[in-house]
Amino acid sequence: MPINKYELDFNTTGDRIFKIIINDANTTLAPDDVSDVMDIVVDRNCFAASTGDLTDRKAARLVTTTVLELPAA
């Protein structure tokens, strides 16, 4: 069963990267939708990062992991 998550990376005022991980990702979103959400997060300063305020988008990834459950016995 595949597991999907978004990894959203932002630059901060402390010259570091702040990452947000969204589990159970909606895989039907268009890349522009993801970019728009990231812009809103930066514009509204929604998260407090220990390395400073978020300044802009750095990267976004949709990560899919396939998990195969094996019998325990």
PDB file of N, CA and C in Angstrom:
ATOM      1  N   MET A   1       0.845  -1.182   0.000  1.00  0.00           N
ATOM      2  CA  MET A   1       0.000   0.000   0.000  1.00  0.00           C
ATOM      3  C   MET A   1       0.894   1.251   0.000  1.00  0.00           C
ATOM      4  N   PRO A   2       0.761   2.119  -0.991  1.00  0.00           N
ATOM      5  CA  PRO A   2       1.610   3.321  -1.039  1.00  0.00           C
ATOM      6  C   PRO A   2       1.202   4.360   0.010  1.00  0.00           C
ATOM      7  N   ILE A   3       2.207   5.022   0.549  1.00  0.00           N
ATOM      8  CA  ILE A   3       2.012   6.112   1.498  1.00  0.00           C
ATOM      9  C   ILE A   3       2.585   7.360   0.841  1.00  0.00           C
ATOM     10  N   ASN A   4       1.776   8.425   0.775  1.00  0.00           N
ATOM     11  CA  ASN A   4       2.190   9.667   0.120  1.00  0.00           C
ATOM     12  C   ASN A   4       2.353  10.777   1.146  1.00  0.00           C
ATOM     13  N   LYS A   5       3.387  11.592   0.937  1.00  0.00           N
ATOM     14  CA  LYS A   5       3.567  12.766   1.781  1.00  0.00           C
ATOM     15  C   LYS A   5       4.225  13.866   0.961  1.00  0.00           C
ATOM     16  N   TYR A   6       3.916  15.105   1.335  1.00  0.00           N
ATOM     17  CA  TYR A   6       4.596  16.257   0.751  1.00  0.00           C
ATOM     18  C   TYR A   6       5.700  16.696   1.698  1.00  0.00           C
ATOM     19  N   GLU A   7       6.837  17.039   1.142  1.00  0.00           N
ATOM     20  CA  GLU A   7       7.918  17.678   1.878  1.00  0.00           C
ATOM     21  C   GLU A   7       8.091  19.069   1.291  1.00  0.00           C
ATOM     22  N   LEU A   8       7.853  20.078   2.100  1.00  0.00           N
ATOM     23  CA  LEU A   8       7.940  21.468   1.663  1.00  0.00           C
ATOM     24  C   LEU A   8       9.119  22.124   2.365  1.00  0.00           C
ATOM     25  N   ASP A   9      10.075  22.625   1.614  1.00  0.00           N
ATOM     26  CA  ASP A   9      11.259  23.268   2.167  1.00  0.00           C
ATOM     27  C   ASP A   9      11.183  24.770   1.948  1.00  0.00           C
ATOM     28  N   PHE A  10      11.556  25.515   2.993  1.00  0.00           N
ATOM     29  CA  PHE A  10      11.557  26.977   2.952  1.00  0.00           C
ATOM     30  C   PHE A  10      12.915  27.493   3.412  1.00  0.00           C
ATOM     31  N   ASN A  11      13.346  28.605   2.860  1.00  0.00           N
ATOM     32  CA  ASN A  11      14.527  29.307   3.358  1.00  0.00           C
ATOM     33  C   ASN A  11      14.094  30.176   4.533  1.00  0.00           C
ATOM     34  N   THR A  12      15.034  30.386   5.479  1.00  0.00           N
ATOM     35  CA  THR A  12      14.730  31.229   6.633  1.00  0.00           C
ATOM     36  C   THR A  12      15.708  32.404   6.694  1.00  0.00           C
ATOM     37  N   THR A  13      15.361  33.375   7.545  1.00  0.00           N
ATOM     38  CA  THR A  13      16.236  34.543   7.710  1.00  0.00           C
ATOM     39  C   THR A  13      17.580  34.164   8.320  1.00  0.00           C
ATOM     40  N   GLY A  14      17.670  33.000   8.948  1.00  0.00           N
ATOM     41  CA  GLY A  14      18.926  32.525   9.510  1.00  0.00           C
ATOM     42  C   GLY A  14      19.750  31.708   8.531  1.00  0.00           C
ATOM     43  N   ASP A  15      19.432  31.817   7.240  1.00  0.00           N
ATOM     44  CA  ASP A  15      20.137  31.076   6.179  1.00  0.00           C
ATOM     45  C   ASP A  15      20.109  29.568   6.407  1.00  0.00           C
ATOM     46  N   ARG A  16      18.989  29.070   6.870  1.00  0.00           N
ATOM     47  CA  ARG A  16      18.790  27.633   7.078  1.00  0.00           C
ATOM     48  C   ARG A  16      17.552  27.204   6.301  1.00  0.00           C
ATOM     49  N   ILE A  17      17.287  25.901   6.310  1.00  0.00           N
ATOM     50  CA  ILE A  17      16.105  25.353   5.639  1.00  0.00           C
ATOM     51  C   ILE A  17      15.130  24.851   6.697  1.00  0.00           C
ATOM     52  N   PHE A  18      13.873  25.230   6.556  1.00  0.00           N
ATOM     53  CA  PHE A  18      12.793  24.782   7.427  1.00  0.00           C
ATOM     54  C   PHE A  18      11.909  23.855   6.604  1.00  0.00           C
ATOM     55  N   LYS A  19      11.643  22.652   7.116  1.00  0.00           N
ATOM     56  CA  LYS A  19      10.881  21.651   6.364  1.00  0.00           C
ATOM     57  C   LYS A  19       9.541  21.386   7.042  1.00  0.00           C
ATOM     58  N   ILE A  20       8.497  21.330   6.230  1.00  0.00           N
ATOM     59  CA  ILE A  20       7.164  20.924   6.674  1.00  0.00           C
ATOM     60  C   ILE A  20       6.830  19.630   5.947  1.00  0.00           C
ATOM     61  N   ILE A  21       6.391  18.627   6.692  1.00  0.00           N
ATOM     62  CA  ILE A  21       5.989  17.350   6.104  1.00  0.00           C
ATOM     63  C   ILE A  21       4.488  17.188   6.297  1.00  0.00           C
ATOM     64  N   ILE A  22       3.793  16.920   5.214  1.00  0.00           N
ATOM     65  CA  ILE A  22       2.340  16.711   5.240  1.00  0.00           C
ATOM     66  C   ILE A  22       2.074  15.267   4.855  1.00  0.00           C
ATOM     67  N   ASN A  23       1.628  14.485   5.832  1.00  0.00           N
ATOM     68  CA  ASN A  23       1.319  13.070   5.590  1.00  0.00           C
ATOM     69  C   ASN A  23      -0.036  12.909   4.919  1.00  0.00           C
ATOM     70  N   ASP A  24      -0.293  11.745   4.365  1.00  0.00           N
ATOM     71  CA  ASP A  24      -1.554  11.442   3.675  1.00  0.00           C
ATOM     72  C   ASP A  24      -1.850  12.490   2.612  1.00  0.00           C
ATOM     73  N   ALA A  25      -0.874  12.758   1.783  1.00  0.00           N
ATOM     74  CA  ALA A  25      -0.953  13.830   0.789  1.00  0.00           C
ATOM     75  C   ALA A  25      -2.001  13.562  -0.279  1.00  0.00           C
ATOM     76  N   ASN A  26      -2.645  14.625  -0.699  1.00  0.00           N
ATOM     77  CA  ASN A  26      -3.578  14.591  -1.824  1.00  0.00           C
ATOM     78  C   ASN A  26      -2.737  14.633  -3.097  1.00  0.00           C
ATOM     79  N   THR A  27      -2.659  13.525  -3.793  1.00  0.00           N
ATOM     80  CA  THR A  27      -1.789  13.426  -4.969  1.00  0.00           C
ATOM     81  C   THR A  27      -2.371  14.079  -6.214  1.00  0.00           C
ATOM     82  N   THR A  28      -3.584  14.600  -6.128  1.00  0.00           N
ATOM     83  CA  THR A  28      -4.204  15.224  -7.301  1.00  0.00           C
ATOM     84  C   THR A  28      -3.926  16.723  -7.378  1.00  0.00           C
ATOM     85  N   LEU A  29      -3.200  17.281  -6.419  1.00  0.00           N
ATOM     86  CA  LEU A  29      -2.886  18.710  -6.469  1.00  0.00           C
ATOM     87  C   LEU A  29      -1.915  19.006  -7.599  1.00  0.00           C
ATOM     88  N   ALA A  30      -2.144  20.121  -8.249  1.00  0.00           N
ATOM     89  CA  ALA A  30      -1.232  20.582  -9.296  1.00  0.00           C
ATOM     90  C   ALA A  30      -0.031  21.265  -8.644  1.00  0.00           C
ATOM     91  N   PRO A  31       1.119  21.249  -9.298  1.00  0.00           N
ATOM     92  CA  PRO A  31       2.296  21.930  -8.744  1.00  0.00           C
ATOM     93  C   PRO A  31       2.031  23.402  -8.405  1.00  0.00           C
ATOM     94  N   ASP A  32       1.227  24.074  -9.218  1.00  0.00           N
ATOM     95  CA  ASP A  32       0.899  25.481  -8.933  1.00  0.00           C
ATOM     96  C   ASP A  32       0.130  25.620  -7.628  1.00  0.00           C
ATOM     97  N   ASP A  33      -0.727  24.651  -7.306  1.00  0.00           N
ATOM     98  CA  ASP A  33      -1.474  24.678  -6.046  1.00  0.00           C
ATOM     99  C   ASP A  33      -0.524  24.580  -4.858  1.00  0.00           C
ATOM    100  N   VAL A  34       0.450  23.698  -4.966  1.00  0.00           N
ATOM    101  CA  VAL A  34       1.432  23.535  -3.890  1.00  0.00           C
ATOM    102  C   VAL A  34       2.237  24.825  -3.729  1.00  0.00           C
ATOM    103  N   SER A  35       2.654  25.414  -4.829  1.00  0.00           N
ATOM    104  CA  SER A  35       3.398  26.681  -4.774  1.00  0.00           C
ATOM    105  C   SER A  35       2.571  27.789  -4.138  1.00  0.00           C
ATOM    106  N   ASP A  36       1.294  27.848  -4.485  1.00  0.00           N
ATOM    107  CA  ASP A  36       0.412  28.867  -3.911  1.00  0.00           C
ATOM    108  C   ASP A  36       0.302  28.712  -2.396  1.00  0.00           C
ATOM    109  N   VAL A  37       0.157  27.477  -1.938  1.00  0.00           N
ATOM    110  CA  VAL A  37       0.075  27.227  -0.496  1.00  0.00           C
ATOM    111  C   VAL A  37       1.381  27.628   0.190  1.00  0.00           C
ATOM    112  N   MET A  38       2.492  27.297  -0.431  1.00  0.00           N
ATOM    113  CA  MET A  38       3.779  27.666   0.155  1.00  0.00           C
ATOM    114  C   MET A  38       3.923  29.186   0.249  1.00  0.00           C
ATOM    115  N   ASP A  39       3.461  29.909  -0.764  1.00  0.00           N
ATOM    116  CA  ASP A  39       3.501  31.375  -0.727  1.00  0.00           C
ATOM    117  C   ASP A  39       2.644  31.914   0.419  1.00  0.00           C
ATOM    118  N   ILE A  40       1.490  31.313   0.638  1.00  0.00           N
ATOM    119  CA  ILE A  40       0.614  31.742   1.737  1.00  0.00           C
ATOM    120  C   ILE A  40       1.303  31.521   3.077  1.00  0.00           C
ATOM    121  N   VAL A  41       1.957  30.377   3.239  1.00  0.00           N
ATOM    122  CA  VAL A  41       2.672  30.080   4.487  1.00  0.00           C
ATOM    123  C   VAL A  41       3.739  31.149   4.740  1.00  0.00           C
ATOM    124  N   VAL A  42       4.485  31.532   3.710  1.00  0.00           N
ATOM    125  CA  VAL A  42       5.522  32.553   3.866  1.00  0.00           C
ATOM    126  C   VAL A  42       4.889  33.919   4.147  1.00  0.00           C
ATOM    127  N   ASP A  43       3.879  34.301   3.367  1.00  0.00           N
ATOM    128  CA  ASP A  43       3.261  35.622   3.505  1.00  0.00           C
ATOM    129  C   ASP A  43       2.633  35.825   4.882  1.00  0.00           C
ATOM    130  N   ARG A  44       2.021  34.774   5.423  1.00  0.00           N
ATOM    131  CA  ARG A  44       1.334  34.885   6.715  1.00  0.00           C
ATOM    132  C   ARG A  44       2.228  34.535   7.900  1.00  0.00           C
ATOM    133  N   ASN A  45       3.458  34.127   7.612  1.00  0.00           N
ATOM    134  CA  ASN A  45       4.401  33.774   8.668  1.00  0.00           C
ATOM    135  C   ASN A  45       3.746  32.794   9.653  1.00  0.00           C
ATOM    136  N   CYS A  46       3.208  31.706   9.112  1.00  0.00           N
ATOM    137  CA  CYS A  46       2.385  30.754   9.870  1.00  0.00           C
ATOM    138  C   CYS A  46       3.154  29.928  10.892  1.00  0.00           C
ATOM    139  N   PHE A  47       4.445  29.734  10.716  1.00  0.00           N
ATOM    140  CA  PHE A  47       5.209  28.838  11.577  1.00  0.00           C
ATOM    141  C   PHE A  47       6.389  29.575  12.187  1.00  0.00           C
ATOM    142  N   ALA A  48       6.697  29.244  13.431  1.00  0.00           N
ATOM    143  CA  ALA A  48       7.840  29.833  14.115  1.00  0.00           C
ATOM    144  C   ALA A  48       9.007  28.855  14.009  1.00  0.00           C
ATOM    145  N   ALA A  49      10.000  29.220  13.239  1.00  0.00           N
ATOM    146  CA  ALA A  49      11.189  28.389  13.092  1.00  0.00           C
ATOM    147  C   ALA A  49      12.276  28.916  14.018  1.00  0.00           C
ATOM    148  N   SER A  50      13.033  28.019  14.613  1.00  0.00           N
ATOM    149  CA  SER A  50      14.103  28.443  15.514  1.00  0.00           C
ATOM    150  C   SER A  50      15.221  29.173  14.769  1.00  0.00           C
ATOM    151  N   THR A  51      15.253  29.036  13.454  1.00  0.00           N
ATOM    152  CA  THR A  51      16.299  29.674  12.642  1.00  0.00           C
ATOM    153  C   THR A  51      15.823  30.966  11.982  1.00  0.00           C
ATOM    154  N   GLY A  52      14.665  31.486  12.402  1.00  0.00           N
ATOM    155  CA  GLY A  52      14.172  32.758  11.877  1.00  0.00           C
ATOM    156  C   GLY A  52      12.911  32.601  11.056  1.00  0.00           C
ATOM    157  N   ASP A  53      12.414  33.714  10.575  1.00  0.00           N
ATOM    158  CA  ASP A  53      11.196  33.724   9.765  1.00  0.00           C
ATOM    159  C   ASP A  53      11.444  33.058   8.416  1.00  0.00           C
ATOM    160  N   LEU A  54      10.376  32.489   7.858  1.00  0.00           N
ATOM    161  CA  LEU A  54      10.457  31.911   6.521  1.00  0.00           C
ATOM    162  C   LEU A  54      10.510  33.050   5.513  1.00  0.00           C
ATOM    163  N   THR A  55      11.426  32.945   4.555  1.00  0.00           N
ATOM    164  CA  THR A  55      11.606  34.029   3.594  1.00  0.00           C
ATOM    165  C   THR A  55      11.070  33.709   2.207  1.00  0.00           C
ATOM    166  N   ASP A  56      11.207  32.452   1.779  1.00  0.00           N
ATOM    167  CA  ASP A  56      10.710  32.072   0.458  1.00  0.00           C
ATOM    168  C   ASP A  56      10.718  30.555   0.308  1.00  0.00           C
ATOM    169  N   ARG A  57      10.119  30.111  -0.808  1.00  0.00           N
ATOM    170  CA  ARG A  57      10.076  28.672  -1.125  1.00  0.00           C
ATOM    171  C   ARG A  57      11.453  28.221  -1.584  1.00  0.00           C
ATOM    172  N   LYS A  58      11.835  27.016  -1.158  1.00  0.00           N
ATOM    173  CA  LYS A  58      13.089  26.435  -1.656  1.00  0.00           C
ATOM    174  C   LYS A  58      12.799  25.239  -2.546  1.00  0.00           C
ATOM    175  N   ALA A  59      11.961  24.289  -2.059  1.00  0.00           N
ATOM    176  CA  ALA A  59      11.677  23.074  -2.825  1.00  0.00           C
ATOM    177  C   ALA A  59      10.405  22.424  -2.302  1.00  0.00           C
ATOM    178  N   ALA A  60       9.794  21.625  -3.161  1.00  0.00           N
ATOM    179  CA  ALA A  60       8.629  20.829  -2.773  1.00  0.00           C
ATOM    180  C   ALA A  60       8.744  19.474  -3.450  1.00  0.00           C
ATOM    181  N   ARG A  61       8.417  18.433  -2.686  1.00  0.00           N
ATOM    182  CA  ARG A  61       8.479  17.073  -3.212  1.00  0.00           C
ATOM    183  C   ARG A  61       7.247  16.305  -2.784  1.00  0.00           C
ATOM    184  N   LEU A  62       6.769  15.456  -3.668  1.00  0.00           N
ATOM    185  CA  LEU A  62       5.754  14.464  -3.322  1.00  0.00           C
ATOM    186  C   LEU A  62       6.505  13.143  -3.210  1.00  0.00           C
ATOM    187  N   VAL A  63       6.533  12.585  -2.008  1.00  0.00           N
ATOM    188  CA  VAL A  63       7.273  11.350  -1.742  1.00  0.00           C
ATOM    189  C   VAL A  63       6.279  10.210  -1.575  1.00  0.00           C
ATOM    190  N   THR A  64       6.469   9.159  -2.340  1.00  0.00           N
ATOM    191  CA  THR A  64       5.620   7.965  -2.252  1.00  0.00           C
ATOM    192  C   THR A  64       6.464   6.795  -1.786  1.00  0.00           C
ATOM    193  N   THR A  65       6.002   6.177  -0.713  1.00  0.00           N
ATOM    194  CA  THR A  65       6.691   5.006  -0.156  1.00  0.00           C
ATOM    195  C   THR A  65       5.760   3.811  -0.238  1.00  0.00           C
ATOM    196  N   THR A  66       6.267   2.702  -0.720  1.00  0.00           N
ATOM    197  CA  THR A  66       5.477   1.479  -0.776  1.00  0.00           C
ATOM    198  C   THR A  66       5.863   0.595   0.394  1.00  0.00           C
ATOM    199  N   VAL A  67       4.862   0.169   1.159  1.00  0.00           N
ATOM    200  CA  VAL A  67       5.079  -0.673   2.326  1.00  0.00           C
ATOM    201  C   VAL A  67       4.457  -2.038   2.042  1.00  0.00           C
ATOM    202  N   LEU A  68       5.255  -3.058   2.221  1.00  0.00           N
ATOM    203  CA  LEU A  68       4.775  -4.430   2.049  1.00  0.00           C
ATOM    204  C   LEU A  68       4.830  -5.118   3.414  1.00  0.00           C
ATOM    205  N   GLU A  69       3.655  -5.384   3.972  1.00  0.00           N
ATOM    206  CA  GLU A  69       3.578  -6.046   5.259  1.00  0.00           C
ATOM    207  C   GLU A  69       3.940  -7.513   5.104  1.00  0.00           C
ATOM    208  N   LEU A  70       4.809  -7.997   5.958  1.00  0.00           N
ATOM    209  CA  LEU A  70       5.227  -9.400   5.945  1.00  0.00           C
ATOM    210  C   LEU A  70       4.639 -10.128   7.140  1.00  0.00           C
ATOM    211  N   PRO A  71       4.356 -11.424   7.003  1.00  0.00           N
ATOM    212  CA  PRO A  71       3.826 -12.164   8.147  1.00  0.00           C
ATOM    213  C   PRO A  71       4.890 -12.241   9.254  1.00  0.00           C
ATOM    214  N   ALA A  72       4.433 -12.155  10.491  1.00  0.00           N
ATOM    215  CA  ALA A  72       5.346 -12.163  11.643  1.00  0.00           C
ATOM    216  C   ALA A  72       5.817 -13.559  11.980  1.00  0.00           C
ATOM    217  N   ALA A  73       5.092 -14.570  11.589  1.00  0.00           N
ATOM    218  CA  ALA A  73       5.479 -15.940  11.982  1.00  0.00           C
ATOM    219  C   ALA A  73       6.219 -16.641  10.864  1.00  0.00           C
TER     220      ALA A  73
END
